[in-house]
Amino acid sequence: HGQEKGWNPMLFLLRGHTGQVNSVAFSPDGTQIASGSNDTTVAIWDAQTGNLLRRLRNSTSWLTSLAVAFLQADGTQIASGSDDRAVVIWDAQTGNLLRTLKGHTGW
């Protein structure tokens, strides 16, 4: 309703994960998209072009729903949570792992 005939609202189809995508988040400034997948990676995408910027390998555990969030108002850090019950903090610009937080004991 209200759409022109033949108009496709999809801007990009971001392909690059080899497993199910469980979570997606935009950076605070809207320039990047992070996606978390069962392939144990977080992918960082350019929101304007759809190009893959970098891939962060989480370990051997699936990234679960609501697992990816940009931290800091400037979007310089990403947090991912996974089936191994850990939260990992990443530098969004370099892809370096900054900290692993463990302590969850159940689902």
N, C-alpha and C. Protein backbone atom coordinates (compact mmCIF):
# COMPACT_ATOMS: atom_id res chain seq x y z
N HIS A 1 0.84 -1.18 0.00
CA HIS A 1 0.00 0.00 0.00
C HIS A 1 0.88 1.24 0.00
N GLY A 2 0.67 2.11 -0.92
CA GLY A 2 1.47 3.31 -1.02
C GLY A 2 2.78 3.11 -1.75
N GLN A 3 3.06 1.88 -2.20
CA GLN A 3 4.28 1.61 -2.94
C GLN A 3 4.01 1.66 -4.44
N GLU A 4 4.97 2.16 -5.18
CA GLU A 4 4.86 2.15 -6.62
C GLU A 4 5.02 0.73 -7.13
N LYS A 5 4.31 0.43 -8.19
CA LYS A 5 4.39 -0.90 -8.79
C LYS A 5 5.83 -1.17 -9.25
N GLY A 6 6.35 -2.33 -8.91
CA GLY A 6 7.70 -2.69 -9.30
C GLY A 6 8.79 -2.13 -8.40
N TRP A 7 8.42 -1.38 -7.37
CA TRP A 7 9.40 -0.79 -6.46
C TRP A 7 9.81 -1.82 -5.42
N ASN A 8 11.10 -2.03 -5.26
CA ASN A 8 11.61 -2.98 -4.29
C ASN A 8 12.23 -2.22 -3.13
N PRO A 9 11.68 -2.33 -1.92
CA PRO A 9 12.21 -1.58 -0.78
C PRO A 9 13.54 -2.11 -0.26
N MET A 10 13.99 -3.29 -0.71
CA MET A 10 15.25 -3.84 -0.25
C MET A 10 16.42 -3.09 -0.90
N LEU A 11 17.31 -2.57 -0.07
CA LEU A 11 18.47 -1.85 -0.58
C LEU A 11 19.63 -2.79 -0.89
N PHE A 12 19.88 -3.74 0.00
CA PHE A 12 21.00 -4.67 -0.16
C PHE A 12 20.59 -6.04 0.34
N LEU A 13 21.16 -7.04 -0.28
CA LEU A 13 21.12 -8.39 0.24
C LEU A 13 22.57 -8.71 0.57
N LEU A 14 22.88 -8.73 1.85
CA LEU A 14 24.26 -8.90 2.31
C LEU A 14 24.56 -10.38 2.45
N ARG A 15 25.41 -10.87 1.57
CA ARG A 15 25.79 -12.29 1.59
C ARG A 15 27.25 -12.39 2.02
N GLY A 16 27.52 -13.35 2.88
CA GLY A 16 28.89 -13.53 3.34
C GLY A 16 28.99 -14.52 4.47
N HIS A 17 27.91 -14.71 5.21
CA HIS A 17 27.90 -15.71 6.27
C HIS A 17 27.65 -17.09 5.67
N THR A 18 28.20 -18.10 6.29
CA THR A 18 27.95 -19.47 5.85
C THR A 18 26.95 -20.18 6.75
N GLY A 19 26.48 -19.50 7.77
CA GLY A 19 25.47 -20.04 8.68
C GLY A 19 24.33 -19.07 8.84
N GLN A 20 23.33 -19.49 9.59
CA GLN A 20 22.16 -18.67 9.86
C GLN A 20 22.56 -17.37 10.55
N VAL A 21 21.98 -16.25 10.12
CA VAL A 21 22.21 -14.95 10.77
C VAL A 21 21.20 -14.81 11.90
N ASN A 22 21.70 -14.57 13.12
CA ASN A 22 20.85 -14.51 14.30
C ASN A 22 20.64 -13.10 14.83
N SER A 23 21.49 -12.17 14.45
CA SER A 23 21.36 -10.82 14.99
C SER A 23 21.97 -9.81 14.04
N VAL A 24 21.40 -8.62 14.05
CA VAL A 24 21.86 -7.52 13.20
C VAL A 24 21.74 -6.23 13.99
N ALA A 25 22.73 -5.34 13.85
CA ALA A 25 22.68 -4.04 14.53
C ALA A 25 23.34 -2.99 13.64
N PHE A 26 22.77 -1.79 13.66
CA PHE A 26 23.38 -0.63 13.00
C PHE A 26 24.28 0.09 13.98
N SER A 27 25.38 0.66 13.47
CA SER A 27 26.22 1.51 14.30
C SER A 27 25.42 2.76 14.65
N PRO A 28 25.79 3.44 15.75
CA PRO A 28 25.02 4.63 16.17
C PRO A 28 24.92 5.70 15.07
N ASP A 29 25.92 5.82 14.23
CA ASP A 29 25.86 6.84 13.17
C ASP A 29 25.24 6.32 11.87
N GLY A 30 24.84 5.05 11.85
CA GLY A 30 24.17 4.47 10.70
C GLY A 30 25.07 4.13 9.53
N THR A 31 26.40 4.20 9.69
CA THR A 31 27.30 3.95 8.57
C THR A 31 27.72 2.49 8.45
N GLN A 32 27.53 1.72 9.52
CA GLN A 32 27.94 0.32 9.49
C GLN A 32 26.82 -0.57 10.01
N ILE A 33 26.85 -1.81 9.56
CA ILE A 33 25.92 -2.84 10.02
C ILE A 33 26.75 -4.00 10.52
N ALA A 34 26.41 -4.54 11.68
CA ALA A 34 27.08 -5.74 12.19
C ALA A 34 26.06 -6.87 12.19
N SER A 35 26.49 -8.05 11.77
CA SER A 35 25.61 -9.21 11.79
C SER A 35 26.33 -10.37 12.46
N GLY A 36 25.60 -11.11 13.29
CA GLY A 36 26.16 -12.26 14.00
C GLY A 36 25.53 -13.53 13.48
N SER A 37 26.32 -14.58 13.35
CA SER A 37 25.86 -15.79 12.67
C SER A 37 26.28 -17.07 13.39
N ASN A 38 25.58 -18.15 13.03
CA ASN A 38 25.96 -19.48 13.49
C ASN A 38 27.29 -19.93 12.93
N ASP A 39 27.84 -19.21 11.95
CA ASP A 39 29.16 -19.57 11.43
C ASP A 39 30.28 -19.08 12.35
N THR A 40 29.92 -18.59 13.52
CA THR A 40 30.80 -18.12 14.60
C THR A 40 31.50 -16.81 14.29
N THR A 41 30.95 -16.02 13.38
CA THR A 41 31.56 -14.74 13.06
C THR A 41 30.59 -13.58 13.23
N VAL A 42 31.18 -12.40 13.42
CA VAL A 42 30.46 -11.14 13.30
C VAL A 42 31.00 -10.51 12.02
N ALA A 43 30.10 -10.12 11.13
CA ALA A 43 30.51 -9.43 9.90
C ALA A 43 30.16 -7.96 10.05
N ILE A 44 31.07 -7.09 9.63
CA ILE A 44 30.85 -5.64 9.65
C ILE A 44 30.72 -5.20 8.20
N TRP A 45 29.61 -4.52 7.89
CA TRP A 45 29.28 -4.12 6.53
C TRP A 45 29.20 -2.60 6.43
N ASP A 46 29.52 -2.07 5.28
CA ASP A 46 29.31 -0.65 4.98
C ASP A 46 27.84 -0.48 4.64
N ALA A 47 27.12 0.33 5.40
CA ALA A 47 25.68 0.49 5.21
C ALA A 47 25.33 1.24 3.93
N GLN A 48 26.25 2.00 3.37
CA GLN A 48 25.98 2.74 2.14
C GLN A 48 26.19 1.89 0.89
N THR A 49 27.22 1.03 0.90
CA THR A 49 27.57 0.25 -0.29
C THR A 49 27.21 -1.22 -0.18
N GLY A 50 27.06 -1.73 1.05
CA GLY A 50 26.81 -3.15 1.26
C GLY A 50 28.07 -3.99 1.24
N ASN A 51 29.24 -3.36 1.13
CA ASN A 51 30.50 -4.09 1.09
C ASN A 51 30.87 -4.62 2.47
N LEU A 52 31.43 -5.83 2.51
CA LEU A 52 31.95 -6.41 3.74
C LEU A 52 33.23 -5.68 4.12
N LEU A 53 33.28 -5.10 5.31
CA LEU A 53 34.46 -4.36 5.76
C LEU A 53 35.44 -5.25 6.51
N ARG A 54 34.93 -6.09 7.40
CA ARG A 54 35.79 -6.99 8.16
C ARG A 54 34.94 -8.09 8.78
N ARG A 55 35.61 -9.17 9.14
CA ARG A 55 34.94 -10.31 9.79
C ARG A 55 35.65 -10.59 11.10
N LEU A 56 34.88 -10.75 12.16
CA LEU A 56 35.41 -11.05 13.49
C LEU A 56 35.06 -12.49 13.83
N ARG A 57 36.05 -13.29 14.13
CA ARG A 57 35.80 -14.69 14.48
C ARG A 57 35.62 -14.80 15.98
N ASN A 58 34.48 -15.35 16.40
CA ASN A 58 34.11 -15.39 17.80
C ASN A 58 34.74 -16.54 18.56
N SER A 59 34.93 -17.64 17.99
CA SER A 59 35.52 -18.84 18.58
C SER A 59 34.92 -20.01 17.85
N THR A 60 34.43 -20.96 18.59
CA THR A 60 33.78 -22.10 17.95
C THR A 60 32.30 -22.14 18.29
N SER A 61 31.78 -21.12 18.96
CA SER A 61 30.38 -21.13 19.39
C SER A 61 29.52 -20.23 18.53
N TRP A 62 28.29 -20.67 18.32
CA TRP A 62 27.33 -19.90 17.55
C TRP A 62 27.04 -18.58 18.23
N LEU A 63 26.88 -17.54 17.43
CA LEU A 63 26.41 -16.26 17.94
C LEU A 63 24.89 -16.33 18.01
N THR A 64 24.33 -15.98 19.14
CA THR A 64 22.90 -16.16 19.35
C THR A 64 22.14 -14.84 19.20
N SER A 65 20.83 -14.93 19.25
CA SER A 65 19.99 -13.75 19.00
C SER A 65 20.31 -12.61 19.96
N LEU A 66 20.15 -11.41 19.48
CA LEU A 66 20.48 -10.18 20.20
C LEU A 66 21.92 -10.19 20.66
N ALA A 67 22.77 -10.85 19.90
CA ALA A 67 24.15 -11.03 20.31
C ALA A 67 25.08 -9.93 19.85
N VAL A 68 24.64 -9.09 18.94
CA VAL A 68 25.53 -8.06 18.43
C VAL A 68 24.96 -6.70 18.77
N ALA A 69 25.78 -5.86 19.39
CA ALA A 69 25.36 -4.50 19.71
C ALA A 69 26.58 -3.59 19.63
N PHE A 70 26.41 -2.42 19.04
CA PHE A 70 27.49 -1.45 19.03
C PHE A 70 27.50 -0.76 20.39
N LEU A 71 28.69 -0.63 20.97
CA LEU A 71 28.85 0.06 22.25
C LEU A 71 29.44 1.43 21.98
N GLN A 72 29.35 2.30 22.93
CA GLN A 72 29.89 3.65 22.83
C GLN A 72 29.08 4.44 21.79
N ALA A 73 28.88 5.69 22.05
CA ALA A 73 28.12 6.55 21.13
C ALA A 73 28.81 6.69 19.78
N ASP A 74 30.12 6.51 19.75
CA ASP A 74 30.84 6.65 18.49
C ASP A 74 30.95 5.32 17.73
N GLY A 75 30.38 4.24 18.26
CA GLY A 75 30.38 2.96 17.56
C GLY A 75 31.72 2.29 17.47
N THR A 76 32.63 2.59 18.38
CA THR A 76 33.99 2.05 18.29
C THR A 76 34.14 0.65 18.86
N GLN A 77 33.12 0.15 19.56
CA GLN A 77 33.20 -1.19 20.11
C GLN A 77 31.93 -1.97 19.78
N ILE A 78 32.08 -3.28 19.66
CA ILE A 78 30.97 -4.19 19.40
C ILE A 78 31.01 -5.28 20.46
N ALA A 79 29.84 -5.63 20.97
CA ALA A 79 29.73 -6.75 21.91
C ALA A 79 28.98 -7.88 21.21
N SER A 80 29.48 -9.10 21.36
CA SER A 80 28.78 -10.26 20.82
C SER A 80 28.65 -11.31 21.91
N GLY A 81 27.51 -11.97 21.94
CA GLY A 81 27.26 -13.06 22.89
C GLY A 81 27.07 -14.35 22.12
N SER A 82 27.42 -15.46 22.74
CA SER A 82 27.37 -16.72 22.00
C SER A 82 26.97 -17.88 22.89
N ASP A 83 26.83 -19.05 22.26
CA ASP A 83 26.42 -20.25 22.96
C ASP A 83 27.40 -20.71 24.02
N ASP A 84 28.63 -20.24 23.99
CA ASP A 84 29.59 -20.63 25.02
C ASP A 84 29.41 -19.80 26.30
N ARG A 85 28.34 -18.99 26.34
CA ARG A 85 27.93 -18.19 27.51
C ARG A 85 28.91 -17.06 27.82
N ALA A 86 29.63 -16.62 26.81
CA ALA A 86 30.58 -15.52 26.98
C ALA A 86 30.13 -14.31 26.16
N VAL A 87 30.52 -13.14 26.61
CA VAL A 87 30.33 -11.90 25.86
C VAL A 87 31.72 -11.43 25.47
N VAL A 88 31.89 -11.12 24.19
CA VAL A 88 33.18 -10.67 23.69
C VAL A 88 33.05 -9.22 23.24
N ILE A 89 34.01 -8.39 23.65
CA ILE A 89 34.05 -6.98 23.26
C ILE A 89 35.14 -6.83 22.20
N TRP A 90 34.77 -6.21 21.07
CA TRP A 90 35.67 -6.04 19.92
C TRP A 90 35.90 -4.56 19.65
N ASP A 91 37.04 -4.25 19.10
CA ASP A 91 37.27 -2.92 18.52
C ASP A 91 36.65 -2.94 17.12
N ALA A 92 35.65 -2.11 16.89
CA ALA A 92 34.92 -2.14 15.63
C ALA A 92 35.75 -1.68 14.44
N GLN A 93 36.77 -0.90 14.67
CA GLN A 93 37.59 -0.39 13.57
C GLN A 93 38.69 -1.35 13.16
N THR A 94 39.33 -2.01 14.14
CA THR A 94 40.46 -2.89 13.84
C THR A 94 40.08 -4.36 13.82
N GLY A 95 38.98 -4.70 14.49
CA GLY A 95 38.59 -6.10 14.62
C GLY A 95 39.30 -6.82 15.74
N ASN A 96 40.12 -6.11 16.51
CA ASN A 96 40.83 -6.73 17.62
C ASN A 96 39.89 -7.08 18.76
N LEU A 97 40.11 -8.26 19.35
CA LEU A 97 39.36 -8.66 20.53
C LEU A 97 39.90 -7.86 21.72
N LEU A 98 39.01 -7.16 22.43
CA LEU A 98 39.43 -6.33 23.56
C LEU A 98 39.27 -7.04 24.90
N ARG A 99 38.18 -7.81 25.04
CA ARG A 99 37.90 -8.44 26.33
C ARG A 99 36.88 -9.57 26.13
N THR A 100 37.05 -10.62 26.91
CA THR A 100 36.06 -11.69 26.97
C THR A 100 35.49 -11.72 28.37
N LEU A 101 34.16 -11.66 28.46
CA LEU A 101 33.47 -11.66 29.75
C LEU A 101 32.79 -13.02 29.92
N LYS A 102 33.15 -13.74 30.98
CA LYS A 102 32.55 -15.04 31.25
C LYS A 102 31.91 -14.97 32.61
N GLY A 103 30.92 -15.82 32.82
CA GLY A 103 30.28 -15.84 34.12
C GLY A 103 28.87 -16.38 34.08
N HIS A 104 28.25 -16.40 32.90
CA HIS A 104 26.91 -16.98 32.81
C HIS A 104 27.03 -18.50 33.01
N THR A 105 26.10 -19.05 33.79
CA THR A 105 26.16 -20.48 34.08
C THR A 105 24.97 -21.22 33.53
N GLY A 106 23.98 -20.55 33.04
CA GLY A 106 22.79 -21.22 32.50
C GLY A 106 22.17 -20.42 31.40
N TRP A 107 21.12 -20.94 30.85
CA TRP A 107 20.43 -20.27 29.76
C TRP A 107 19.38 -19.41 30.34
